[in-house]
Full PDB file with SEQRES, HELIX, SHEET, SSBOND, CRYST1, ORIGX, SCALE, CONECT and MASTER records, all heavy atoms in Angstrom:
SEQRES   1 A   37  THR PHE ALA ALA GLU LEU GLY ALA ARG ARG LEU VAL CYS          
SEQRES   2 A   37  LEU GLY GLU GLY PRO ASP GLU TYR GLN PRO GLN GLN SER          
SEQRES   3 A   37  VAL ARG THR TRP PHE ASN VAL THR ASN PRO ARG                  
HELIX    1 AA1 ALA A    3  GLY A    7  1                                   5    
SHEET    1 AA1 2 TYR A  21  PRO A  23  0                                        
SHEET    2 AA1 2 TRP A  30  ASN A  32 -1                                        
CRYST1    1.000    1.000    1.000  90.00  90.00  90.00 P 1           1          
ORIGX1      1.000000  0.000000  0.000000        0.00000                         
ORIGX2      0.000000  1.000000  0.000000        0.00000                         
ORIGX3      0.000000  0.000000  1.000000        0.00000                         
SCALE1      1.000000  0.000000  0.000000        0.00000                         
SCALE2      0.000000  1.000000  0.000000        0.00000                         
SCALE3      0.000000  0.000000  1.000000        0.00000                         
ATOM      1  N   THR A   1     -25.166  76.276 -39.710  1.00  0.00           N  
ATOM      2  CA  THR A   1     -25.771  75.054 -40.251  1.00  0.00           C  
ATOM      3  C   THR A   1     -26.157  74.075 -39.155  1.00  0.00           C  
ATOM      4  O   THR A   1     -27.106  73.306 -39.309  1.00  0.00           O  
ATOM      5  CB  THR A   1     -24.802  74.397 -41.247  1.00  0.00           C  
ATOM      6  OG1 THR A   1     -24.415  75.363 -42.223  1.00  0.00           O  
ATOM      7  CG2 THR A   1     -25.434  73.222 -41.945  1.00  0.00           C  
ATOM      8  N   PHE A   2     -25.426  74.097 -38.046  1.00  0.00           N  
ATOM      9  CA  PHE A   2     -25.686  73.166 -36.948  1.00  0.00           C  
ATOM     10  C   PHE A   2     -26.411  73.858 -35.787  1.00  0.00           C  
ATOM     11  O   PHE A   2     -26.345  73.394 -34.656  1.00  0.00           O  
ATOM     12  CB  PHE A   2     -24.372  72.561 -36.450  1.00  0.00           C  
ATOM     13  CG  PHE A   2     -23.741  71.601 -37.422  1.00  0.00           C  
ATOM     14  CD1 PHE A   2     -23.094  72.055 -38.562  1.00  0.00           C  
ATOM     15  CD2 PHE A   2     -23.788  70.233 -37.199  1.00  0.00           C  
ATOM     16  CE1 PHE A   2     -22.507  71.179 -39.466  1.00  0.00           C  
ATOM     17  CE2 PHE A   2     -23.206  69.339 -38.089  1.00  0.00           C  
ATOM     18  CZ  PHE A   2     -22.569  69.817 -39.223  1.00  0.00           C  
ATOM     19  N   ALA A   3     -27.141  74.930 -36.077  1.00  0.00           N  
ATOM     20  CA  ALA A   3     -27.796  75.694 -35.014  1.00  0.00           C  
ATOM     21  C   ALA A   3     -28.781  74.842 -34.227  1.00  0.00           C  
ATOM     22  O   ALA A   3     -28.870  74.943 -32.989  1.00  0.00           O  
ATOM     23  CB  ALA A   3     -28.504  76.914 -35.615  1.00  0.00           C  
ATOM     24  N   ALA A   4     -29.536  73.981 -34.909  1.00  0.00           N  
ATOM     25  CA  ALA A   4     -30.501  73.138 -34.203  1.00  0.00           C  
ATOM     26  C   ALA A   4     -29.797  72.137 -33.296  1.00  0.00           C  
ATOM     27  O   ALA A   4     -30.292  71.822 -32.193  1.00  0.00           O  
ATOM     28  CB  ALA A   4     -31.385  72.398 -35.210  1.00  0.00           C  
ATOM     29  N   GLU A   5     -28.637  71.628 -33.749  1.00  0.00           N  
ATOM     30  CA  GLU A   5     -27.871  70.697 -32.909  1.00  0.00           C  
ATOM     31  C   GLU A   5     -27.359  71.390 -31.658  1.00  0.00           C  
ATOM     32  O   GLU A   5     -27.318  70.802 -30.567  1.00  0.00           O  
ATOM     33  CB  GLU A   5     -26.699  70.122 -33.711  1.00  0.00           C  
ATOM     34  CG  GLU A   5     -27.074  69.465 -35.037  1.00  0.00           C  
ATOM     35  CD  GLU A   5     -28.008  68.294 -34.842  1.00  0.00           C  
ATOM     36  OE1 GLU A   5     -27.561  67.250 -34.335  1.00  0.00           O  
ATOM     37  OE2 GLU A   5     -29.192  68.438 -35.189  1.00  0.00           O  
ATOM     38  N   LEU A   6     -26.962  72.653 -31.815  1.00  0.00           N  
ATOM     39  CA  LEU A   6     -26.509  73.427 -30.662  1.00  0.00           C  
ATOM     40  C   LEU A   6     -27.674  73.736 -29.735  1.00  0.00           C  
ATOM     41  O   LEU A   6     -27.539  73.683 -28.508  1.00  0.00           O  
ATOM     42  CB  LEU A   6     -25.838  74.720 -31.138  1.00  0.00           C  
ATOM     43  CG  LEU A   6     -24.486  74.527 -31.831  1.00  0.00           C  
ATOM     44  CD1 LEU A   6     -24.175  75.697 -32.766  1.00  0.00           C  
ATOM     45  CD2 LEU A   6     -23.382  74.375 -30.805  1.00  0.00           C  
ATOM     46  N   GLY A   7     -28.832  74.052 -30.331  1.00  0.00           N  
ATOM     47  CA  GLY A   7     -30.005  74.338 -29.520  1.00  0.00           C  
ATOM     48  C   GLY A   7     -30.458  73.142 -28.708  1.00  0.00           C  
ATOM     49  O   GLY A   7     -30.913  73.283 -27.555  1.00  0.00           O  
ATOM     50  N   ALA A   8     -30.326  71.961 -29.283  1.00  0.00           N  
ATOM     51  CA  ALA A   8     -30.710  70.731 -28.582  1.00  0.00           C  
ATOM     52  C   ALA A   8     -29.602  70.227 -27.665  1.00  0.00           C  
ATOM     53  O   ALA A   8     -29.769  69.208 -26.992  1.00  0.00           O  
ATOM     54  CB  ALA A   8     -31.074  69.651 -29.597  1.00  0.00           C  
ATOM     55  N   ARG A   9     -28.470  70.919 -27.664  1.00  0.00           N  
ATOM     56  CA  ARG A   9     -27.305  70.575 -26.846  1.00  0.00           C  
ATOM     57  C   ARG A   9     -26.727  69.203 -27.177  1.00  0.00           C  
ATOM     58  O   ARG A   9     -26.117  68.564 -26.325  1.00  0.00           O  
ATOM     59  CB  ARG A   9     -27.618  70.698 -25.353  1.00  0.00           C  
ATOM     60  CG  ARG A   9     -27.835  72.161 -24.958  1.00  0.00           C  
ATOM     61  CD  ARG A   9     -28.144  72.351 -23.502  1.00  0.00           C  
ATOM     62  NE  ARG A   9     -28.286  73.785 -23.211  1.00  0.00           N  
ATOM     63  CZ  ARG A   9     -28.826  74.269 -22.097  1.00  0.00           C  
ATOM     64  NH1 ARG A   9     -29.282  73.424 -21.172  1.00  0.00           N  
ATOM     65  NH2 ARG A   9     -28.920  75.564 -21.918  1.00  0.00           N  
ATOM     66  N   ARG A  10     -26.947  68.795 -28.427  1.00  0.00           N  
ATOM     67  CA  ARG A  10     -26.174  67.660 -28.928  1.00  0.00           C  
ATOM     68  C   ARG A  10     -24.755  68.123 -29.231  1.00  0.00           C  
ATOM     69  O   ARG A  10     -23.817  67.338 -29.249  1.00  0.00           O  
ATOM     70  CB  ARG A  10     -26.848  67.064 -30.169  1.00  0.00           C  
ATOM     71  CG  ARG A  10     -28.154  66.357 -29.855  1.00  0.00           C  
ATOM     72  CD  ARG A  10     -28.730  65.646 -31.068  1.00  0.00           C  
ATOM     73  NE  ARG A  10     -29.301  66.577 -32.027  1.00  0.00           N  
ATOM     74  CZ  ARG A  10     -30.567  66.964 -32.027  1.00  0.00           C  
ATOM     75  NH1 ARG A  10     -31.411  66.522 -31.108  1.00  0.00           N  
ATOM     76  NH2 ARG A  10     -31.020  67.798 -32.958  1.00  0.00           N  
ATOM     77  N   LEU A  11     -24.622  69.423 -29.467  1.00  0.00           N  
ATOM     78  CA  LEU A  11     -23.335  70.105 -29.569  1.00  0.00           C  
ATOM     79  C   LEU A  11     -23.315  71.252 -28.577  1.00  0.00           C  
ATOM     80  O   LEU A  11     -24.325  71.956 -28.422  1.00  0.00           O  
ATOM     81  CB  LEU A  11     -23.111  70.667 -30.977  1.00  0.00           C  
ATOM     82  CG  LEU A  11     -22.868  69.689 -32.122  1.00  0.00           C  
ATOM     83  CD1 LEU A  11     -22.852  70.445 -33.454  1.00  0.00           C  
ATOM     84  CD2 LEU A  11     -21.549  68.951 -31.931  1.00  0.00           C  
ATOM     85  N   VAL A  12     -22.173  71.440 -27.918  1.00  0.00           N  
ATOM     86  CA  VAL A  12     -22.018  72.552 -26.977  1.00  0.00           C  
ATOM     87  C   VAL A  12     -20.682  73.219 -27.255  1.00  0.00           C  
ATOM     88  O   VAL A  12     -19.638  72.543 -27.302  1.00  0.00           O  
ATOM     89  CB  VAL A  12     -22.057  72.068 -25.518  1.00  0.00           C  
ATOM     90  CG1 VAL A  12     -21.842  73.249 -24.561  1.00  0.00           C  
ATOM     91  CG2 VAL A  12     -23.372  71.353 -25.215  1.00  0.00           C  
ATOM     92  N   CYS A  13     -20.697  74.524 -27.444  1.00  0.00           N  
ATOM     93  CA  CYS A  13     -19.441  75.258 -27.642  1.00  0.00           C  
ATOM     94  C   CYS A  13     -18.786  75.499 -26.290  1.00  0.00           C  
ATOM     95  O   CYS A  13     -19.386  76.079 -25.375  1.00  0.00           O  
ATOM     96  CB  CYS A  13     -19.708  76.586 -28.343  1.00  0.00           C  
ATOM     97  SG  CYS A  13     -18.194  77.514 -28.685  1.00  0.00           S  
ATOM     98  N   LEU A  14     -17.527  75.064 -26.171  1.00  0.00           N  
ATOM     99  CA  LEU A  14     -16.792  75.167 -24.905  1.00  0.00           C  
ATOM    100  C   LEU A  14     -15.819  76.336 -24.883  1.00  0.00           C  
ATOM    101  O   LEU A  14     -15.249  76.648 -23.835  1.00  0.00           O  
ATOM    102  CB  LEU A  14     -16.022  73.864 -24.662  1.00  0.00           C  
ATOM    103  CG  LEU A  14     -16.867  72.585 -24.633  1.00  0.00           C  
ATOM    104  CD1 LEU A  14     -15.965  71.363 -24.576  1.00  0.00           C  
ATOM    105  CD2 LEU A  14     -17.832  72.604 -23.456  1.00  0.00           C  
ATOM    106  N   GLY A  15     -15.589  76.961 -26.036  1.00  0.00           N  
ATOM    107  CA  GLY A  15     -14.643  78.072 -26.113  1.00  0.00           C  
ATOM    108  C   GLY A  15     -13.317  77.640 -26.709  1.00  0.00           C  
ATOM    109  O   GLY A  15     -13.145  76.501 -27.176  1.00  0.00           O  
ATOM    110  N   GLU A  16     -12.364  78.536 -26.691  1.00  0.00           N  
ATOM    111  CA  GLU A  16     -11.049  78.264 -27.271  1.00  0.00           C  
ATOM    112  C   GLU A  16     -10.187  77.449 -26.314  1.00  0.00           C  
ATOM    113  O   GLU A  16     -10.284  77.591 -25.092  1.00  0.00           O  
ATOM    114  CB  GLU A  16     -10.322  79.569 -27.594  1.00  0.00           C  
ATOM    115  CG  GLU A  16     -10.964  80.381 -28.707  1.00  0.00           C  
ATOM    116  CD  GLU A  16     -10.171  81.637 -29.006  1.00  0.00           C  
ATOM    117  OE1 GLU A  16      -9.332  82.035 -28.163  1.00  0.00           O  
ATOM    118  OE2 GLU A  16     -10.380  82.224 -30.083  1.00  0.00           O  
ATOM    119  N   GLY A  17      -9.331  76.600 -26.897  1.00  0.00           N  
ATOM    120  CA  GLY A  17      -8.319  75.919 -26.111  1.00  0.00           C  
ATOM    121  C   GLY A  17      -7.130  76.831 -25.863  1.00  0.00           C  
ATOM    122  O   GLY A  17      -6.989  77.877 -26.501  1.00  0.00           O  
ATOM    123  N   PRO A  18      -6.242  76.462 -24.935  1.00  0.00           N  
ATOM    124  CA  PRO A  18      -5.135  77.351 -24.578  1.00  0.00           C  
ATOM    125  C   PRO A  18      -3.970  77.339 -25.560  1.00  0.00           C  
ATOM    126  O   PRO A  18      -3.216  78.314 -25.632  1.00  0.00           O  
ATOM    127  CB  PRO A  18      -4.688  76.820 -23.216  1.00  0.00           C  
ATOM    128  CG  PRO A  18      -5.040  75.358 -23.270  1.00  0.00           C  
ATOM    129  CD  PRO A  18      -6.303  75.273 -24.081  1.00  0.00           C  
ATOM    130  N   ASP A  19      -3.783  76.254 -26.315  1.00  0.00           N  
ATOM    131  CA  ASP A  19      -2.615  76.129 -27.186  1.00  0.00           C  
ATOM    132  C   ASP A  19      -2.789  76.953 -28.462  1.00  0.00           C  
ATOM    133  O   ASP A  19      -3.896  77.071 -29.008  1.00  0.00           O  
ATOM    134  CB  ASP A  19      -2.369  74.673 -27.571  1.00  0.00           C  
ATOM    135  CG  ASP A  19      -1.811  73.852 -26.429  1.00  0.00           C  
ATOM    136  OD1 ASP A  19      -1.595  74.424 -25.345  1.00  0.00           O  
ATOM    137  OD2 ASP A  19      -1.587  72.633 -26.620  1.00  0.00           O  
ATOM    138  N   GLU A  20      -1.667  77.495 -28.935  1.00  0.00           N  
ATOM    139  CA  GLU A  20      -1.673  78.217 -30.205  1.00  0.00           C  
ATOM    140  C   GLU A  20      -1.147  77.304 -31.309  1.00  0.00           C  
ATOM    141  O   GLU A  20      -0.205  76.530 -31.107  1.00  0.00           O  
ATOM    142  CB  GLU A  20      -0.814  79.480 -30.111  1.00  0.00           C  
ATOM    143  CG  GLU A  20      -1.415  80.522 -29.182  1.00  0.00           C  
ATOM    144  CD  GLU A  20      -0.683  81.852 -29.264  1.00  0.00           C  
ATOM    145  OE1 GLU A  20       0.557  81.835 -29.450  1.00  0.00           O  
ATOM    146  OE2 GLU A  20      -1.340  82.909 -29.151  1.00  0.00           O  
ATOM    147  N   TYR A  21      -1.764  77.405 -32.477  1.00  0.00           N  
ATOM    148  CA  TYR A  21      -1.443  76.566 -33.621  1.00  0.00           C  
ATOM    149  C   TYR A  21      -1.089  77.425 -34.820  1.00  0.00           C  
ATOM    150  O   TYR A  21      -1.583  78.548 -34.961  1.00  0.00           O  
ATOM    151  CB  TYR A  21      -2.634  75.677 -33.985  1.00  0.00           C  
ATOM    152  CG  TYR A  21      -2.943  74.591 -32.980  1.00  0.00           C  
ATOM    153  CD1 TYR A  21      -3.710  74.871 -31.847  1.00  0.00           C  
ATOM    154  CD2 TYR A  21      -2.488  73.288 -33.166  1.00  0.00           C  
ATOM    155  CE1 TYR A  21      -4.010  73.870 -30.923  1.00  0.00           C  
ATOM    156  CE2 TYR A  21      -2.783  72.279 -32.244  1.00  0.00           C  
ATOM    157  CZ  TYR A  21      -3.546  72.588 -31.131  1.00  0.00           C  
ATOM    158  OH  TYR A  21      -3.836  71.612 -30.221  1.00  0.00           O  
ATOM    159  N   GLN A  22      -0.245  76.870 -35.682  1.00  0.00           N  
ATOM    160  CA  GLN A  22       0.144  77.529 -36.927  1.00  0.00           C  
ATOM    161  C   GLN A  22      -0.422  76.726 -38.098  1.00  0.00           C  
ATOM    162  O   GLN A  22      -0.198  75.512 -38.176  1.00  0.00           O  
ATOM    163  CB  GLN A  22       1.669  77.578 -37.044  1.00  0.00           C  
ATOM    164  CG  GLN A  22       2.190  78.156 -38.346  1.00  0.00           C  
ATOM    165  CD  GLN A  22       1.980  79.658 -38.439  1.00  0.00           C  
ATOM    166  OE1 GLN A  22       1.993  80.350 -37.430  1.00  0.00           O  
ATOM    167  NE2 GLN A  22       1.776  80.146 -39.643  1.00  0.00           N  
ATOM    168  N   PRO A  23      -1.182  77.355 -38.998  1.00  0.00           N  
ATOM    169  CA  PRO A  23      -1.687  76.610 -40.153  1.00  0.00           C  
ATOM    170  C   PRO A  23      -0.556  76.177 -41.078  1.00  0.00           C  
ATOM    171  O   PRO A  23       0.398  76.918 -41.307  1.00  0.00           O  
ATOM    172  CB  PRO A  23      -2.626  77.606 -40.846  1.00  0.00           C  
ATOM    173  CG  PRO A  23      -2.146  78.947 -40.418  1.00  0.00           C  
ATOM    174  CD  PRO A  23      -1.603  78.771 -39.033  1.00  0.00           C  
ATOM    175  N   GLN A  24      -0.668  74.956 -41.611  1.00  0.00           N  
ATOM    176  CA  GLN A  24       0.322  74.429 -42.541  1.00  0.00           C  
ATOM    177  C   GLN A  24      -0.084  74.749 -43.983  1.00  0.00           C  
ATOM    178  O   GLN A  24      -1.119  75.374 -44.226  1.00  0.00           O  
ATOM    179  CB  GLN A  24       0.460  72.926 -42.327  1.00  0.00           C  
ATOM    180  CG  GLN A  24       0.873  72.553 -40.908  1.00  0.00           C  
ATOM    181  CD  GLN A  24       2.223  73.126 -40.529  1.00  0.00           C  
ATOM    182  OE1 GLN A  24       3.266  72.622 -40.922  1.00  0.00           O  
ATOM    183  NE2 GLN A  24       2.223  74.196 -39.741  1.00  0.00           N  
ATOM    184  N   GLN A  25       0.726  74.304 -44.943  1.00  0.00           N  
ATOM    185  CA  GLN A  25       0.443  74.606 -46.345  1.00  0.00           C  
ATOM    186  C   GLN A  25      -0.927  74.121 -46.781  1.00  0.00           C  
ATOM    187  O   GLN A  25      -1.558  74.723 -47.649  1.00  0.00           O  
ATOM    188  CB  GLN A  25       1.506  73.951 -47.237  1.00  0.00           C  
ATOM    189  CG  GLN A  25       2.843  74.656 -47.242  1.00  0.00           C  
ATOM    190  CD  GLN A  25       3.842  73.865 -48.059  1.00  0.00           C  
ATOM    191  OE1 GLN A  25       4.357  72.857 -47.621  1.00  0.00           O  
ATOM    192  NE2 GLN A  25       4.097  74.319 -49.263  1.00  0.00           N  
ATOM    193  N   SER A  26      -1.386  73.023 -46.199  1.00  0.00           N  
ATOM    194  CA  SER A  26      -2.681  72.474 -46.588  1.00  0.00           C  
ATOM    195  C   SER A  26      -3.848  73.262 -46.007  1.00  0.00           C  
ATOM    196  O   SER A  26      -5.004  72.920 -46.240  1.00  0.00           O  
ATOM    197  CB  SER A  26      -2.777  71.004 -46.154  1.00  0.00           C  
ATOM    198  OG  SER A  26      -2.599  70.897 -44.750  1.00  0.00           O  
ATOM    199  N   VAL A  27      -3.575  74.293 -45.230  1.00  0.00           N  
ATOM    200  CA  VAL A  27      -4.511  75.283 -44.697  1.00  0.00           C  
ATOM    201  C   VAL A  27      -5.362  74.733 -43.538  1.00  0.00           C  
ATOM    202  O   VAL A  27      -5.535  75.404 -42.524  1.00  0.00           O  
ATOM    203  CB  VAL A  27      -5.425  75.861 -45.811  1.00  0.00           C  
ATOM    204  CG1 VAL A  27      -6.385  76.898 -45.241  1.00  0.00           C  
ATOM    205  CG2 VAL A  27      -4.597  76.489 -46.913  1.00  0.00           C  
ATOM    206  N   ARG A  28      -5.879  73.511 -43.664  1.00  0.00           N  
ATOM    207  CA  ARG A  28      -6.766  72.995 -42.615  1.00  0.00           C  
ATOM    208  C   ARG A  28      -6.036  72.165 -41.566  1.00  0.00           C  
ATOM    209  O   ARG A  28      -6.668  71.653 -40.645  1.00  0.00           O  
ATOM    210  CB  ARG A  28      -7.881  72.161 -43.243  1.00  0.00           C  
ATOM    211  CG  ARG A  28      -7.376  70.955 -44.013  1.00  0.00           C  
ATOM    212  CD  ARG A  28      -8.508  70.096 -44.555  1.00  0.00           C  
ATOM    213  NE  ARG A  28      -7.997  69.119 -45.509  1.00  0.00           N  
ATOM    214  CZ  ARG A  28      -8.705  68.106 -45.983  1.00  0.00           C  
ATOM    215  NH1 ARG A  28      -9.943  67.944 -45.596  1.00  0.00           N  
ATOM    216  NH2 ARG A  28      -8.176  67.278 -46.853  1.00  0.00           N  
ATOM    217  N   THR A  29      -4.739  71.985 -41.709  1.00  0.00           N  
ATOM    218  CA  THR A  29      -3.956  71.222 -40.732  1.00  0.00           C  
ATOM    219  C   THR A  29      -3.125  72.189 -39.897  1.00  0.00           C  
ATOM    220  O   THR A  29      -2.487  73.093 -40.430  1.00  0.00           O  
ATOM    221  CB  THR A  29      -3.047  70.203 -41.431  1.00  0.00           C  
ATOM    222  OG1 THR A  29      -3.854  69.300 -42.185  1.00  0.00           O  
ATOM    223  CG2 THR A  29      -2.241  69.412 -40.419  1.00  0.00           C  
ATOM    224  N   TRP A  30      -3.100  71.950 -38.593  1.00  0.00           N  
ATOM    225  CA  TRP A  30      -2.485  72.876 -37.646  1.00  0.00           C  
ATOM    226  C   TRP A  30      -1.321  72.215 -36.910  1.00  0.00           C  
ATOM    227  O   TRP A  30      -1.441  71.096 -36.426  1.00  0.00           O  
ATOM    228  CB  TRP A  30      -3.517  73.329 -36.619  1.00  0.00           C  
ATOM    229  CG  TRP A  30      -4.703  74.024 -37.191  1.00  0.00           C  
ATOM    230  CD1 TRP A  30      -5.858  73.437 -37.640  1.00  0.00           C  
ATOM    231  CD2 TRP A  30      -4.879  75.429 -37.369  1.00  0.00           C  
ATOM    232  NE1 TRP A  30      -6.728  74.402 -38.083  1.00  0.00           N  
ATOM    233  CE2 TRP A  30      -6.156  75.630 -37.927  1.00  0.00           C  
ATOM    234  CE3 TRP A  30      -4.065  76.536 -37.097  1.00  0.00           C  
ATOM    235  CZ2 TRP A  30      -6.645  76.895 -38.225  1.00  0.00           C  
ATOM    236  CZ3 TRP A  30      -4.561  77.799 -37.398  1.00  0.00           C  
ATOM    237  CH2 TRP A  30      -5.831  77.971 -37.957  1.00  0.00           C  
ATOM    238  N   PHE A  31      -0.225  72.973 -36.784  1.00  0.00           N  
ATOM    239  CA  PHE A  31       0.931  72.548 -35.994  1.00  0.00           C  
ATOM    240  C   PHE A  31       0.896  73.284 -34.653  1.00  0.00           C  
ATOM    241  O   PHE A  31       0.703  74.503 -34.605  1.00  0.00           O  
ATOM    242  CB  PHE A  31       2.226  72.888 -36.740  1.00  0.00           C  
ATOM    243  CG  PHE A  31       3.480  72.502 -36.006  1.00  0.00           C  
ATOM    244  CD1 PHE A  31       3.902  71.183 -35.966  1.00  0.00           C  
ATOM    245  CD2 PHE A  31       4.238  73.467 -35.350  1.00  0.00           C  
ATOM    246  CE1 PHE A  31       5.065  70.831 -35.284  1.00  0.00           C  
ATOM    247  CE2 PHE A  31       5.395  73.129 -34.671  1.00  0.00           C  
ATOM    248  CZ  PHE A  31       5.812  71.799 -34.645  1.00  0.00           C  
ATOM    249  N   ASN A  32       1.087  72.549 -33.587  1.00  0.00           N  
ATOM    250  CA  ASN A  32       1.005  73.117 -32.246  1.00  0.00           C  
ATOM    251  C   ASN A  32       2.313  73.850 -31.930  1.00  0.00           C  
ATOM    252  O   ASN A  32       3.347  73.219 -31.709  1.00  0.00           O  
ATOM    253  CB  ASN A  32       0.741  72.010 -31.223  1.00  0.00           C  
ATOM    254  CG  ASN A  32       0.372  72.545 -29.855  1.00  0.00           C  
ATOM    255  OD1 ASN A  32       0.942  73.523 -29.381  1.00  0.00           O  
ATOM    256  ND2 ASN A  32      -0.590  71.892 -29.207  1.00  0.00           N  
ATOM    257  N   VAL A  33       2.280  75.186 -31.901  1.00  0.00           N  
ATOM    258  CA  VAL A  33       3.491  75.967 -31.629  1.00  0.00           C  
ATOM    259  C   VAL A  33       3.703  76.169 -30.135  1.00  0.00           C  
ATOM    260  O   VAL A  33       4.808  76.492 -29.703  1.00  0.00           O  
ATOM    261  CB  VAL A  33       3.458  77.334 -32.355  1.00  0.00           C  
ATOM    262  CG1 VAL A  33       3.519  77.129 -33.855  1.00  0.00           C  
ATOM    263  CG2 VAL A  33       2.235  78.148 -31.971  1.00  0.00           C  
ATOM    264  N   THR A  34       2.659  75.986 -29.339  1.00  0.00           N  
ATOM    265  CA  THR A  34       2.813  76.052 -27.884  1.00  0.00           C  
ATOM    266  C   THR A  34       3.559  74.837 -27.358  1.00  0.00           C  
ATOM    267  O   THR A  34       4.452  74.947 -26.525  1.00  0.00           O  
ATOM    268  CB  THR A  34       1.434  76.155 -27.201  1.00  0.00           C  
ATOM    269  OG1 THR A  34       0.764  77.330 -27.667  1.00  0.00           O  
ATOM    270  CG2 THR A  34       1.585  76.203 -25.684  1.00  0.00           C  
ATOM    271  N   ASN A  35       3.205  73.676 -27.878  1.00  0.00           N  
ATOM    272  CA  ASN A  35       3.858  72.422 -27.492  1.00  0.00           C  
ATOM    273  C   ASN A  35       4.064  71.593 -28.757  1.00  0.00           C  
ATOM    274  O   ASN A  35       3.201  70.780 -29.114  1.00  0.00           O  
ATOM    275  CB  ASN A  35       3.022  71.660 -26.468  1.00  0.00           C  
ATOM    276  CG  ASN A  35       3.759  70.464 -25.902  1.00  0.00           C  
ATOM    277  OD1 ASN A  35       4.731  69.977 -26.494  1.00  0.00           O  
ATOM    278  ND2 ASN A  35       3.313  69.977 -24.753  1.00  0.00           N  
ATOM    279  N   PRO A  36       5.190  71.776 -29.460  1.00  0.00           N  
ATOM    280  CA  PRO A  36       5.405  71.102 -30.749  1.00  0.00           C  
ATOM    281  C   PRO A  36       5.425  69.580 -30.682  1.00  0.00           C  
ATOM    282  O   PRO A  36       5.332  68.922 -31.723  1.00  0.00           O  
ATOM    283  CB  PRO A  36       6.768  71.645 -31.200  1.00  0.00           C  
ATOM    284  CG  PRO A  36       6.914  72.951 -30.512  1.00  0.00           C  
ATOM    285  CD  PRO A  36       6.272  72.732 -29.167  1.00  0.00           C  
ATOM    286  N   ARG A  37       5.540  69.021 -29.496  1.00  0.00           N  
ATOM    287  CA  ARG A  37       5.538  67.561 -29.378  1.00  0.00           C  
ATOM    288  C   ARG A  37       4.117  66.994 -29.410  1.00  0.00           C  
ATOM    289  O   ARG A  37       3.934  65.785 -29.557  1.00  0.00           O  
ATOM    290  CB  ARG A  37       6.254  67.129 -28.093  1.00  0.00           C  
ATOM    291  CG  ARG A  37       7.710  67.594 -28.021  1.00  0.00           C  
ATOM    292  CD  ARG A  37       8.386  67.148 -26.735  1.00  0.00           C  
ATOM    293  NE  ARG A  37       8.617  65.712 -26.724  1.00  0.00           N  
ATOM    294  CZ  ARG A  37       9.671  65.121 -27.256  1.00  0.00           C  
ATOM    295  NH1 ARG A  37      10.605  65.847 -27.861  1.00  0.00           N  
ATOM    296  NH2 ARG A  37       9.818  63.810 -27.191  1.00  0.00           N  
TER     297      ARG A  37                                                      
MASTER        0    0    0    1    2    0    0    6  296    1    0    3          
END                                                                             
């Protein structure tokens, strides 16, 4: 849906971050299991 924004470089994909997250019951909220603080 945002292909044009990516093409214009208003958005740029940087790749994955290093921390691992666990999805919570609400599905879209993530708990940081690499660094729980």
